[in-house]
Protein backbone atom coordinates (compact mmCIF):
# COMPACT_ATOMS: atom_id res chain seq x y z
CA MET A 1 -9.12 30.96 29.21
CA SER A 2 -8.86 27.14 28.47
CA ASP A 3 -6.54 24.32 28.32
CA PHE A 4 -5.75 21.82 25.91
CA LEU A 5 -3.82 18.56 25.01
CA VAL A 6 -2.20 19.06 21.77
CA VAL A 7 -1.10 15.94 19.96
CA LEU A 8 1.63 16.70 17.12
CA GLU A 9 3.00 13.93 14.71
CA ALA A 10 6.47 14.08 13.60
CA ALA A 11 8.39 12.57 10.91
CA TRP A 12 12.00 11.62 12.27
CA LEU A 13 14.66 10.59 10.09
CA VAL A 14 17.07 7.86 11.54
CA ARG A 15 20.52 6.92 9.63
CA ASP A 16 22.56 3.71 9.65
CA VAL A 17 19.97 1.35 11.40
CA GLY A 18 19.35 -2.15 10.61
CA ASN A 19 15.93 -3.01 11.73
CA VAL A 20 12.46 -1.23 12.82
CA ASP A 21 12.99 -1.65 16.54
CA ASP A 22 16.51 -0.25 16.58
CA ALA A 23 15.15 2.95 14.34
CA ILE A 24 12.34 3.42 16.86
CA GLY A 25 14.51 3.44 19.93
CA VAL A 26 17.02 6.00 18.43
CA ALA A 27 14.10 8.07 17.19
CA VAL A 28 12.25 8.32 20.63
CA SER A 29 15.74 8.80 22.41
CA GLU A 30 16.99 11.55 19.98
CA ALA A 31 13.86 13.64 20.09
CA GLY A 32 13.35 13.20 23.77
CA LYS A 33 17.26 14.29 24.38
CA ARG A 34 16.42 17.40 21.88
CA LEU A 35 13.58 18.30 23.95
CA ASN A 36 15.22 17.85 27.39
CA GLU A 37 18.24 19.97 26.14
CA ARG A 38 15.83 22.80 25.59
CA GLU A 39 13.81 22.37 29.15
CA LYS A 40 10.82 20.72 27.30
CA SER A 41 10.71 17.60 29.10
CA TYR A 42 6.81 18.03 29.58
CA VAL A 43 6.33 17.05 26.17
CA GLU A 44 5.54 13.19 25.83
CA VAL A 45 7.24 11.57 22.85
CA ASN A 46 5.99 7.96 21.52
CA VAL A 47 5.91 6.11 18.22
CA GLY A 48 2.91 6.60 16.04
CA ALA A 49 0.62 3.97 14.88
CA THR A 50 -0.44 3.37 11.29
CA GLY A 51 -3.13 1.27 10.23
CA CYS A 52 -2.47 -1.70 7.96
CA PRO A 53 -4.09 -1.05 4.47
CA ALA A 54 -5.37 -4.79 4.38
CA CYS A 55 -6.61 -5.45 7.76
CA GLY A 56 -6.80 -2.06 9.58
CA GLU A 57 -4.75 -3.27 12.49
CA PRO A 58 -2.24 -0.61 13.83
CA PHE A 59 1.26 -1.29 13.78
CA ASP A 60 4.35 0.98 14.64
CA SER A 61 4.93 4.11 12.09
CA ALA A 62 8.45 3.02 11.06
CA PHE A 63 9.68 2.13 7.76
CA VAL A 64 13.56 0.97 7.19
CA ALA A 65 14.89 0.92 3.65
CA ALA A 66 18.61 0.95 2.80
CA GLY A 67 19.68 1.50 6.53
CA THR A 68 17.56 4.58 6.80
CA ALA A 69 14.51 4.93 8.58
CA LEU A 70 11.48 7.20 8.82
CA VAL A 71 9.76 7.10 12.14
CA GLY A 72 6.53 8.57 12.88
CA LEU A 73 6.44 9.89 16.29
CA VAL A 74 3.69 11.42 18.69
CA LEU A 75 4.43 14.30 20.59
CA GLU A 76 1.72 15.14 23.34
CA ILE A 77 1.78 18.52 25.24
CA ASP A 78 -0.48 20.40 27.62
CA VAL A 79 -1.27 23.99 26.96
CA PHE A 80 -2.76 26.05 29.66
CA ASN A 81 -4.47 29.40 29.50
CA THR A 82 -4.99 29.76 25.97
CA ASP A 83 -7.34 31.91 24.07
CA GLY A 84 -8.72 28.73 22.11
CA GLU A 85 -8.27 25.74 20.03
CA GLN A 86 -5.98 27.46 17.47
CA HIS A 87 -4.06 29.60 19.83
CA ALA A 88 -3.09 26.15 21.55
CA ARG A 89 -2.36 24.43 18.37
CA ARG A 90 0.23 27.54 17.42
CA ILE A 91 1.75 27.66 20.96
CA ALA A 92 2.22 23.72 20.74
CA LYS A 93 3.98 23.93 17.48
CA SER A 94 6.08 26.94 18.60
CA GLU A 95 7.17 25.13 21.70
CA VAL A 96 7.92 21.85 20.06
CA GLY A 97 9.18 23.14 16.90
CA GLY A 98 11.74 25.55 18.51
CA ALA A 99 13.42 22.25 19.99
CA LEU A 100 13.04 20.08 17.04
CA ARG A 101 14.10 22.30 14.27
CA ASP A 102 14.02 20.63 10.79
CA VAL A 103 11.33 17.95 11.80
CA PRO A 104 8.47 18.25 10.06
CA LEU A 105 5.28 18.61 12.66
CA ASP A 106 1.76 18.40 12.07
CA VAL A 107 -1.27 18.70 14.52
CA VAL A 108 -3.51 15.70 14.30
CA GLU A 109 -5.67 16.24 17.38
CA THR A 110 -6.61 18.97 20.10
CA VAL A 111 -8.66 18.16 23.04
CA GLU A 112 -10.15 20.49 25.79
CA ILE A 113 -8.57 19.81 29.31
CA ASP A 114 -11.46 19.98 31.86
CA ALA A 115 -10.47 21.74 34.76
CA ASP A 116 -12.24 18.99 37.01
CA GLU A 117 -10.27 16.18 35.71
CA GLU A 118 -6.91 17.62 36.74
CA ASP A 119 -7.75 17.77 40.51
């Protein structure tokens, strides 16, 4: 049995916002609230980063147009006692997806957790 850290990317839609900072705040808050309602407070929620096409420097994954924003969120979850990487990915998507219905999710990274690191 193996333990994994699974990183998911979510596309969060925010309506009636004026700027990127407000959109990010609302997206993180709404996602956290929905996860906490389903007792999934162990999922870490952060704003994602996108590389600038010109210089490659990362910036917050958020775009606002016509008062509506698309915010890229990064969700991290530790999955324990799995039969492997694919099993951990399925468990993570099921756990997070159940709380965040109708939110597109994609697994972006899966890292095996060394048992010695947790001690």
